[in-house]
Amino acid sequence: MRTHHAAAVAAATLLLTLTGCADVTTSEPKPDDKVATSPPADAPAATSSADPDAARAAAGLPPEPKGPARKAFLDGLNAIDKDIVHGKDDKAISRGIDTCGIFKRFPGDTAKQVDQTNKRWTSPTHPEGHGQTKAAQILAVAHAAICPTY
């Protein structure tokens, strides 16, 4: 699967390179060309990096679980298989938040949700995922602990 992604990236890069070189004879902008500019340094960002929960909300993702919800999520994953978290709690939390986005990207398509979860949850000893059964369990734990309203 990763080979397909690498080939797609290479093809896209080649296409962009070729189309970027299509008109090398025109070096000066035309009067009606719009010039892209960066926003001023003091302009406020659309979502502040200082507030990651606001950025997640803007992306349609839940906030980071805290306290009992965080513990329930990590405990739930470790109950399935300790290799899922493999000692990387913060990484598991990040993946759990991302997993909640799967519900919105594939509403009502349980098979696709489980497949995407399996692809997302890899570990050093399971580089291709933990399998469909564990992926379904991971999805259920994320739903219950991090995004029960999704």
Protein backbone atom coordinates (compact mmCIF):
# COMPACT_ATOMS: atom_id res chain seq x y z
CA MET A 1 0.00 0.00 0.00
CA ARG A 2 2.82 2.42 0.83
CA THR A 3 4.37 1.74 -2.58
CA HIS A 4 1.19 3.00 -4.22
CA HIS A 5 1.35 6.20 -2.18
CA ALA A 6 4.99 6.77 -3.12
CA ALA A 7 4.21 6.25 -6.79
CA ALA A 8 1.29 8.66 -6.61
CA VAL A 9 3.44 11.31 -4.93
CA ALA A 10 6.17 10.87 -7.54
CA ALA A 11 3.65 11.18 -10.37
CA ALA A 12 2.10 14.29 -8.84
CA THR A 13 5.53 15.87 -8.36
CA LEU A 14 6.44 15.16 -11.96
CA LEU A 15 3.15 16.63 -13.18
CA LEU A 16 3.66 19.77 -11.12
CA THR A 17 7.21 20.13 -12.39
CA LEU A 18 6.12 19.79 -15.99
CA THR A 19 3.19 22.19 -15.72
CA GLY A 20 5.32 24.67 -13.80
CA CYS A 21 7.71 24.83 -16.75
CA ALA A 22 5.01 25.30 -19.38
CA ASP A 23 5.42 29.06 -19.80
CA VAL A 24 9.02 30.02 -19.12
CA THR A 25 9.07 32.80 -21.72
CA THR A 26 6.93 35.13 -19.63
CA SER A 27 9.04 36.42 -16.78
CA GLU A 28 7.22 39.67 -15.99
CA PRO A 29 3.71 39.70 -14.53
CA LYS A 30 0.95 41.15 -16.65
CA PRO A 31 -0.79 44.24 -15.25
CA ASP A 32 -3.96 42.27 -14.51
CA ASP A 33 -2.12 39.38 -12.78
CA LYS A 34 -2.84 39.11 -9.08
CA VAL A 35 0.25 38.73 -6.96
CA ALA A 36 -0.06 36.40 -3.99
CA THR A 37 1.21 37.98 -0.82
CA SER A 38 1.69 36.68 2.68
CA PRO A 39 -0.49 38.12 5.42
CA PRO A 40 1.21 40.70 7.62
CA ALA A 41 3.18 39.25 10.51
CA ASP A 42 0.82 40.87 13.02
CA ALA A 43 -2.34 39.50 11.36
CA PRO A 44 -4.25 37.06 13.57
CA ALA A 45 -4.26 33.45 12.47
CA ALA A 46 -7.57 31.84 11.53
CA THR A 47 -7.02 29.34 14.34
CA SER A 48 -4.35 29.93 16.91
CA SER A 49 -1.70 27.29 17.43
CA ALA A 50 -1.85 28.36 21.07
CA ASP A 51 -5.33 26.78 21.28
CA PRO A 52 -5.11 23.29 19.77
CA ASP A 53 -8.65 22.42 20.90
CA ALA A 54 -10.01 25.35 18.86
CA ALA A 55 -7.98 24.19 15.86
CA ARG A 56 -9.36 20.67 16.28
CA ALA A 57 -12.91 22.01 16.55
CA ALA A 58 -12.39 23.99 13.34
CA ALA A 59 -11.29 20.74 11.68
CA GLY A 60 -14.36 18.92 13.00
CA LEU A 61 -12.41 16.93 15.59
CA PRO A 62 -13.04 16.60 19.33
CA PRO A 63 -10.84 18.24 21.96
CA GLU A 64 -8.04 16.30 23.58
CA PRO A 65 -9.45 14.05 26.29
CA LYS A 66 -8.39 14.94 29.82
CA GLY A 67 -8.54 13.19 33.16
CA PRO A 68 -10.96 10.24 33.32
CA ALA A 69 -11.70 10.26 29.57
CA ARG A 70 -7.99 10.08 28.75
CA LYS A 71 -7.46 7.27 31.27
CA ALA A 72 -10.49 5.35 29.98
CA PHE A 73 -9.24 5.61 26.40
CA LEU A 74 -5.70 4.43 27.20
CA ASP A 75 -6.95 1.70 29.53
CA GLY A 76 -9.40 0.54 26.87
CA LEU A 77 -6.67 0.30 24.24
CA ASN A 78 -4.31 -1.52 26.61
CA ALA A 79 -7.09 -3.97 27.46
CA ILE A 80 -7.36 -4.85 23.76
CA ASP A 81 -3.59 -5.24 23.28
CA LYS A 82 -0.72 -3.48 25.07
CA ASP A 83 1.10 -3.21 21.72
CA ILE A 84 -1.52 -0.74 20.45
CA VAL A 85 -0.27 2.05 22.73
CA HIS A 86 3.22 0.50 23.19
CA GLY A 87 4.16 3.07 25.82
CA LYS A 88 3.38 6.11 23.67
CA ASP A 89 0.34 7.62 25.41
CA ASP A 90 0.43 11.02 23.67
CA LYS A 91 0.74 9.40 20.26
CA ALA A 92 -2.22 7.15 21.07
CA ILE A 93 -4.30 10.16 22.13
CA SER A 94 -3.46 11.94 18.87
CA ARG A 95 -4.42 8.86 16.87
CA GLY A 96 -7.63 8.56 18.88
CA ILE A 97 -8.64 12.12 18.03
CA ASP A 98 -7.87 11.43 14.37
CA THR A 99 -9.88 8.21 14.58
CA CYS A 100 -12.92 10.24 15.64
CA GLY A 101 -12.66 12.09 12.33
CA ILE A 102 -13.29 8.78 10.57
CA PHE A 103 -16.90 8.84 11.82
CA LYS A 104 -17.45 12.15 10.03
CA ARG A 105 -15.54 11.20 6.88
CA PHE A 106 -17.39 7.89 6.45
CA PRO A 107 -20.76 8.27 8.21
CA GLY A 108 -22.66 5.01 8.47
CA ASP A 109 -19.96 3.02 6.63
CA THR A 110 -18.73 0.76 9.41
CA ALA A 111 -16.58 -1.37 7.10
CA LYS A 112 -14.72 1.72 5.83
CA GLN A 113 -14.37 3.10 9.37
CA VAL A 114 -12.82 -0.17 10.57
CA ASP A 115 -10.54 -0.37 7.52
CA GLN A 116 -9.30 3.19 8.02
CA THR A 117 -8.78 2.55 11.74
CA ASN A 118 -6.70 -0.53 10.98
CA LYS A 119 -4.53 1.50 8.61
CA ARG A 120 -4.13 4.33 11.14
CA TRP A 121 -3.23 2.17 14.14
CA THR A 122 0.12 0.59 13.44
CA SER A 123 3.00 -0.24 15.75
CA PRO A 124 6.58 -1.45 15.34
CA THR A 125 5.44 -5.07 15.60
CA HIS A 126 2.27 -4.50 13.52
CA PRO A 127 3.33 -2.18 10.66
CA GLU A 128 0.24 -3.10 8.63
CA GLY A 129 -2.22 -2.60 11.50
CA HIS A 130 -3.64 -4.89 14.15
CA GLY A 131 -6.32 -6.52 12.02
CA GLN A 132 -10.01 -5.90 11.48
CA THR A 133 -11.22 -7.30 14.83
CA LYS A 134 -8.89 -5.15 16.92
CA ALA A 135 -9.49 -2.16 14.66
CA ALA A 136 -13.23 -2.44 15.36
CA GLN A 137 -12.46 -2.54 19.08
CA ILE A 138 -10.14 0.48 18.81
CA LEU A 139 -12.86 2.36 16.95
CA ALA A 140 -15.39 1.52 19.67
CA VAL A 141 -13.03 2.65 22.47
CA ALA A 142 -12.31 5.95 20.67
CA HIS A 143 -16.02 6.51 20.14
CA ALA A 144 -16.87 5.81 23.77
CA ALA A 145 -14.01 7.72 25.41
CA ILE A 146 -13.17 10.59 23.06
CA CYS A 147 -16.11 11.33 20.75
CA PRO A 148 -19.35 9.79 22.07
CA THR A 149 -21.48 12.33 20.21
CA TYR A 150 -20.11 11.39 16.78
